[in-house]
Amino acid sequence: NVPYFEAMINAAVANALPNLTAALRTQITNDIRNGAGSSGGGGGDAIPHGIHV
Protein backbone atom coordinates (compact mmCIF):
# COMPACT_ATOMS: atom_id res chain seq x y z
CA ASN A 1 0.00 0.00 0.00
CA VAL A 2 1.97 2.91 -1.33
CA PRO A 3 0.29 6.31 -1.00
CA TYR A 4 -0.66 7.86 -4.33
CA PHE A 5 0.25 4.64 -6.21
CA GLU A 6 -2.68 4.91 -8.61
CA ALA A 7 -1.89 8.57 -9.33
CA MET A 8 1.76 7.71 -9.97
CA ILE A 9 0.80 4.93 -12.39
CA ASN A 10 -1.68 7.16 -14.23
CA ALA A 11 0.92 9.92 -14.55
CA ALA A 12 3.62 7.52 -15.76
CA VAL A 13 1.33 6.00 -18.39
CA ALA A 14 0.07 9.40 -19.49
CA ASN A 15 3.61 10.76 -19.81
CA ALA A 16 4.99 7.72 -21.61
CA LEU A 17 2.11 7.20 -24.00
CA PRO A 18 0.24 10.49 -24.43
CA ASN A 19 -1.97 9.25 -27.25
CA LEU A 20 -3.69 6.60 -25.17
CA THR A 21 -7.35 7.12 -24.53
CA ALA A 22 -8.64 7.54 -21.00
CA ALA A 23 -10.33 4.15 -21.21
CA LEU A 24 -7.10 2.39 -22.11
CA ARG A 25 -5.20 4.16 -19.32
CA THR A 26 -7.91 3.05 -16.92
CA GLN A 27 -7.67 -0.55 -18.15
CA ILE A 28 -3.89 -0.58 -17.78
CA THR A 29 -4.15 0.88 -14.28
CA ASN A 30 -6.77 -1.70 -13.30
CA ASP A 31 -4.69 -4.54 -14.73
CA ILE A 32 -1.65 -3.41 -12.77
CA ARG A 33 -3.71 -2.98 -9.61
CA ASN A 34 -5.22 -6.45 -10.04
CA GLY A 35 -1.87 -8.10 -10.69
CA ALA A 36 -2.30 -8.84 -14.39
CA GLY A 37 0.98 -9.23 -16.18
CA SER A 38 3.09 -9.71 -13.08
CA SER A 39 4.65 -12.76 -14.72
CA GLY A 40 5.25 -10.82 -17.91
CA GLY A 41 2.76 -12.95 -19.83
CA GLY A 42 -0.50 -11.23 -19.09
CA GLY A 43 -2.47 -14.41 -18.60
CA GLY A 44 -1.34 -16.92 -21.21
CA ASP A 45 -4.34 -17.64 -23.42
CA ALA A 46 -6.20 -14.48 -22.48
CA ILE A 47 -7.41 -12.57 -25.52
CA PRO A 48 -7.32 -8.78 -25.17
CA HIS A 49 -10.63 -7.06 -25.73
CA GLY A 50 -12.17 -3.66 -25.33
CA ILE A 51 -9.21 -1.73 -26.72
CA HIS A 52 -10.28 0.72 -29.41
CA VAL A 53 -7.84 3.05 -31.13
PDB file of N, CA and C in Angstrom:
ATOM      1  N   ASN A   1       0.835  -1.190   0.000  1.00  0.00           N
ATOM      2  CA  ASN A   1       0.000   0.000   0.000  1.00  0.00           C
ATOM      3  C   ASN A   1       0.874   1.246   0.000  1.00  0.00           C
ATOM      4  N   VAL A   2       1.166   1.711  -1.168  1.00  0.00           N
ATOM      5  CA  VAL A   2       1.973   2.911  -1.329  1.00  0.00           C
ATOM      6  C   VAL A   2       1.028   4.083  -1.566  1.00  0.00           C
ATOM      7  N   PRO A   3       1.158   5.146  -0.780  1.00  0.00           N
ATOM      8  CA  PRO A   3       0.292   6.312  -0.999  1.00  0.00           C
ATOM      9  C   PRO A   3       0.458   6.843  -2.410  1.00  0.00           C
ATOM     10  N   TYR A   4      -0.651   7.236  -3.001  1.00  0.00           N
ATOM     11  CA  TYR A   4      -0.657   7.859  -4.326  1.00  0.00           C
ATOM     12  C   TYR A   4      -0.194   6.919  -5.437  1.00  0.00           C
ATOM     13  N   PHE A   5      -0.220   5.604  -5.203  1.00  0.00           N
ATOM     14  CA  PHE A   5       0.248   4.644  -6.207  1.00  0.00           C
ATOM     15  C   PHE A   5      -0.533   4.774  -7.512  1.00  0.00           C
ATOM     16  N   GLU A   6      -1.851   4.818  -7.406  1.00  0.00           N
ATOM     17  CA  GLU A   6      -2.677   4.915  -8.614  1.00  0.00           C
ATOM     18  C   GLU A   6      -2.377   6.197  -9.381  1.00  0.00           C
ATOM     19  N   ALA A   7      -2.218   7.299  -8.676  1.00  0.00           N
ATOM     20  CA  ALA A   7      -1.894   8.566  -9.332  1.00  0.00           C
ATOM     21  C   ALA A   7      -0.532   8.494 -10.014  1.00  0.00           C
ATOM     22  N   MET A   8       0.433   7.850  -9.371  1.00  0.00           N
ATOM     23  CA  MET A   8       1.764   7.711  -9.972  1.00  0.00           C
ATOM     24  C   MET A   8       1.704   6.872 -11.244  1.00  0.00           C
ATOM     25  N   ILE A   9       0.939   5.788 -11.215  1.00  0.00           N
ATOM     26  CA  ILE A   9       0.797   4.934 -12.395  1.00  0.00           C
ATOM     27  C   ILE A   9       0.115   5.698 -13.518  1.00  0.00           C
ATOM     28  N   ASN A  10      -0.978   6.389 -13.201  1.00  0.00           N
ATOM     29  CA  ASN A  10      -1.681   7.162 -14.225  1.00  0.00           C
ATOM     30  C   ASN A  10      -0.769   8.207 -14.848  1.00  0.00           C
ATOM     31  N   ALA A  11       0.011   8.891 -14.033  1.00  0.00           N
ATOM     32  CA  ALA A  11       0.921   9.916 -14.545  1.00  0.00           C
ATOM     33  C   ALA A  11       2.008   9.293 -15.413  1.00  0.00           C
ATOM     34  N   ALA A  12       2.559   8.170 -14.987  1.00  0.00           N
ATOM     35  CA  ALA A  12       3.616   7.516 -15.762  1.00  0.00           C
ATOM     36  C   ALA A  12       3.098   7.052 -17.116  1.00  0.00           C
ATOM     37  N   VAL A  13       1.915   6.457 -17.126  1.00  0.00           N
ATOM     38  CA  VAL A  13       1.331   5.999 -18.389  1.00  0.00           C
ATOM     39  C   VAL A  13       1.016   7.187 -19.287  1.00  0.00           C
ATOM     40  N   ALA A  14       0.426   8.224 -18.708  1.00  0.00           N
ATOM     41  CA  ALA A  14       0.072   9.404 -19.495  1.00  0.00           C
ATOM     42  C   ALA A  14       1.305  10.080 -20.083  1.00  0.00           C
ATOM     43  N   ASN A  15       2.386  10.130 -19.322  1.00  0.00           N
ATOM     44  CA  ASN A  15       3.612  10.763 -19.808  1.00  0.00           C
ATOM     45  C   ASN A  15       4.324   9.908 -20.845  1.00  0.00           C
ATOM     46  N   ALA A  16       4.286   8.607 -20.685  1.00  0.00           N
ATOM     47  CA  ALA A  16       4.991   7.719 -21.605  1.00  0.00           C
ATOM     48  C   ALA A  16       4.231   7.526 -22.915  1.00  0.00           C
ATOM     49  N   LEU A  17       2.941   7.493 -22.830  1.00  0.00           N
ATOM     50  CA  LEU A  17       2.113   7.202 -23.995  1.00  0.00           C
ATOM     51  C   LEU A  17       0.958   8.198 -24.093  1.00  0.00           C
ATOM     52  N   PRO A  18       1.247   9.433 -24.483  1.00  0.00           N
ATOM     53  CA  PRO A  18       0.241  10.492 -24.426  1.00  0.00           C
ATOM     54  C   PRO A  18      -0.949  10.297 -25.349  1.00  0.00           C
ATOM     55  N   ASN A  19      -0.860   9.426 -26.327  1.00  0.00           N
ATOM     56  CA  ASN A  19      -1.975   9.250 -27.250  1.00  0.00           C
ATOM     57  C   ASN A  19      -2.983   8.200 -26.809  1.00  0.00           C
ATOM     58  N   LEU A  20      -2.736   7.584 -25.661  1.00  0.00           N
ATOM     59  CA  LEU A  20      -3.690   6.596 -25.171  1.00  0.00           C
ATOM     60  C   LEU A  20      -4.991   7.270 -24.753  1.00  0.00           C
ATOM     61  N   THR A  21      -6.073   6.593 -24.977  1.00  0.00           N
ATOM     62  CA  THR A  21      -7.353   7.125 -24.529  1.00  0.00           C
ATOM     63  C   THR A  21      -7.495   6.931 -23.030  1.00  0.00           C
ATOM     64  N   ALA A  22      -8.399   7.661 -22.439  1.00  0.00           N
ATOM     65  CA  ALA A  22      -8.641   7.538 -21.002  1.00  0.00           C
ATOM     66  C   ALA A  22      -9.072   6.122 -20.646  1.00  0.00           C
ATOM     67  N   ALA A  23      -9.863   5.503 -21.497  1.00  0.00           N
ATOM     68  CA  ALA A  23     -10.334   4.147 -21.211  1.00  0.00           C
ATOM     69  C   ALA A  23      -9.184   3.154 -21.177  1.00  0.00           C
ATOM     70  N   LEU A  24      -8.237   3.299 -22.084  1.00  0.00           N
ATOM     71  CA  LEU A  24      -7.099   2.389 -22.113  1.00  0.00           C
ATOM     72  C   LEU A  24      -6.199   2.615 -20.911  1.00  0.00           C
ATOM     73  N   ARG A  25      -5.989   3.879 -20.530  1.00  0.00           N
ATOM     74  CA  ARG A  25      -5.203   4.161 -19.325  1.00  0.00           C
ATOM     75  C   ARG A  25      -5.863   3.530 -18.104  1.00  0.00           C
ATOM     76  N   THR A  26      -7.185   3.636 -18.034  1.00  0.00           N
ATOM     77  CA  THR A  26      -7.913   3.046 -16.917  1.00  0.00           C
ATOM     78  C   THR A  26      -7.743   1.534 -16.905  1.00  0.00           C
ATOM     79  N   GLN A  27      -7.830   0.906 -18.072  1.00  0.00           N
ATOM     80  CA  GLN A  27      -7.671  -0.545 -18.151  1.00  0.00           C
ATOM     81  C   GLN A  27      -6.279  -0.976 -17.715  1.00  0.00           C
ATOM     82  N   ILE A  28      -5.265  -0.259 -18.164  1.00  0.00           N
ATOM     83  CA  ILE A  28      -3.892  -0.584 -17.778  1.00  0.00           C
ATOM     84  C   ILE A  28      -3.720  -0.442 -16.272  1.00  0.00           C
ATOM     85  N   THR A  29      -4.240   0.650 -15.720  1.00  0.00           N
ATOM     86  CA  THR A  29      -4.146   0.875 -14.277  1.00  0.00           C
ATOM     87  C   THR A  29      -4.841  -0.242 -13.513  1.00  0.00           C
ATOM     88  N   ASN A  30      -6.034  -0.623 -13.971  1.00  0.00           N
ATOM     89  CA  ASN A  30      -6.769  -1.698 -13.301  1.00  0.00           C
ATOM     90  C   ASN A  30      -6.029  -3.021 -13.406  1.00  0.00           C
ATOM     91  N   ASP A  31      -5.446  -3.302 -14.569  1.00  0.00           N
ATOM     92  CA  ASP A  31      -4.692  -4.541 -14.733  1.00  0.00           C
ATOM     93  C   ASP A  31      -3.501  -4.582 -13.787  1.00  0.00           C
ATOM     94  N   ILE A  32      -2.796  -3.467 -13.671  1.00  0.00           N
ATOM     95  CA  ILE A  32      -1.651  -3.407 -12.766  1.00  0.00           C
ATOM     96  C   ILE A  32      -2.117  -3.586 -11.330  1.00  0.00           C
ATOM     97  N   ARG A  33      -3.188  -2.893 -10.965  1.00  0.00           N
ATOM     98  CA  ARG A  33      -3.706  -2.980  -9.606  1.00  0.00           C
ATOM     99  C   ARG A  33      -4.149  -4.405  -9.275  1.00  0.00           C
ATOM    100  N   ASN A  34      -4.710  -5.100 -10.267  1.00  0.00           N
ATOM    101  CA  ASN A  34      -5.220  -6.454 -10.044  1.00  0.00           C
ATOM    102  C   ASN A  34      -4.169  -7.533 -10.248  1.00  0.00           C
ATOM    103  N   GLY A  35      -2.952  -7.141 -10.575  1.00  0.00           N
ATOM    104  CA  GLY A  35      -1.869  -8.098 -10.685  1.00  0.00           C
ATOM    105  C   GLY A  35      -1.705  -8.720 -12.054  1.00  0.00           C
ATOM    106  N   ALA A  36      -2.445  -8.279 -13.053  1.00  0.00           N
ATOM    107  CA  ALA A  36      -2.295  -8.839 -14.395  1.00  0.00           C
ATOM    108  C   ALA A  36      -0.927  -8.498 -14.939  1.00  0.00           C
ATOM    109  N   GLY A  37      -0.306  -9.467 -15.550  1.00  0.00           N
ATOM    110  CA  GLY A  37       0.984  -9.231 -16.181  1.00  0.00           C
ATOM    111  C   GLY A  37       2.164  -9.298 -15.243  1.00  0.00           C
ATOM    112  N   SER A  38       1.972  -9.679 -14.009  1.00  0.00           N
ATOM    113  CA  SER A  38       3.087  -9.715 -13.077  1.00  0.00           C
ATOM    114  C   SER A  38       4.132 -10.753 -13.477  1.00  0.00           C
ATOM    115  N   SER A  39       3.701 -11.758 -14.253  1.00  0.00           N
ATOM    116  CA  SER A  39       4.645 -12.761 -14.723  1.00  0.00           C
ATOM    117  C   SER A  39       5.239 -12.366 -16.058  1.00  0.00           C
ATOM    118  N   GLY A  40       4.776 -11.262 -16.612  1.00  0.00           N
ATOM    119  CA  GLY A  40       5.249 -10.818 -17.906  1.00  0.00           C
ATOM    120  C   GLY A  40       4.448 -11.398 -19.050  1.00  0.00           C
ATOM    121  N   GLY A  41       3.523 -12.309 -18.763  1.00  0.00           N
ATOM    122  CA  GLY A  41       2.764 -12.950 -19.825  1.00  0.00           C
ATOM    123  C   GLY A  41       1.368 -12.416 -19.994  1.00  0.00           C
ATOM    124  N   GLY A  42       0.830 -11.799 -18.985  1.00  0.00           N
ATOM    125  CA  GLY A  42      -0.503 -11.225 -19.093  1.00  0.00           C
ATOM    126  C   GLY A  42      -1.621 -12.244 -19.113  1.00  0.00           C
ATOM    127  N   GLY A  43      -1.370 -13.473 -18.735  1.00  0.00           N
ATOM    128  CA  GLY A  43      -2.468 -14.415 -18.605  1.00  0.00           C
ATOM    129  C   GLY A  43      -2.462 -15.554 -19.589  1.00  0.00           C
ATOM    130  N   GLY A  44      -1.418 -15.761 -20.329  1.00  0.00           N
ATOM    131  CA  GLY A  44      -1.340 -16.915 -21.212  1.00  0.00           C
ATOM    132  C   GLY A  44      -2.286 -16.834 -22.382  1.00  0.00           C
ATOM    133  N   ASP A  45      -3.405 -17.562 -22.314  1.00  0.00           N
ATOM    134  CA  ASP A  45      -4.341 -17.643 -23.425  1.00  0.00           C
ATOM    135  C   ASP A  45      -5.358 -16.519 -23.435  1.00  0.00           C
ATOM    136  N   ALA A  46      -5.240 -15.576 -22.534  1.00  0.00           N
ATOM    137  CA  ALA A  46      -6.199 -14.478 -22.479  1.00  0.00           C
ATOM    138  C   ALA A  46      -6.139 -13.670 -23.767  1.00  0.00           C
ATOM    139  N   ILE A  47      -7.315 -13.364 -24.305  1.00  0.00           N
ATOM    140  CA  ILE A  47      -7.407 -12.568 -25.521  1.00  0.00           C
ATOM    141  C   ILE A  47      -7.778 -11.150 -25.124  1.00  0.00           C
ATOM    142  N   PRO A  48      -6.980 -10.163 -25.519  1.00  0.00           N
ATOM    143  CA  PRO A  48      -7.318  -8.781 -25.175  1.00  0.00           C
ATOM    144  C   PRO A  48      -8.623  -8.364 -25.842  1.00  0.00           C
ATOM    145  N   HIS A  49      -9.392  -7.566 -25.151  1.00  0.00           N
ATOM    146  CA  HIS A  49     -10.633  -7.061 -25.729  1.00  0.00           C
ATOM    147  C   HIS A  49     -10.929  -5.692 -25.146  1.00  0.00           C
ATOM    148  N   GLY A  50     -11.760  -4.961 -25.818  1.00  0.00           N
ATOM    149  CA  GLY A  50     -12.175  -3.659 -25.326  1.00  0.00           C
ATOM    150  C   GLY A  50     -11.174  -2.549 -25.563  1.00  0.00           C
ATOM    151  N   ILE A  51     -10.179  -2.778 -26.415  1.00  0.00           N
ATOM    152  CA  ILE A  51      -9.214  -1.732 -26.720  1.00  0.00           C
ATOM    153  C   ILE A  51      -9.547  -1.176 -28.099  1.00  0.00           C
ATOM    154  N   HIS A  52      -9.911   0.085 -28.147  1.00  0.00           N
ATOM    155  CA  HIS A  52     -10.278   0.722 -29.410  1.00  0.00           C
ATOM    156  C   HIS A  52      -9.364   1.903 -29.653  1.00  0.00           C
ATOM    157  N   VAL A  53      -8.729   1.927 -30.806  1.00  0.00           N
ATOM    158  CA  VAL A  53      -7.844   3.049 -31.131  1.00  0.00           C
ATOM    159  C   VAL A  53      -8.299   3.739 -32.393  1.00  0.00           C
TER     160      VAL A  53
END
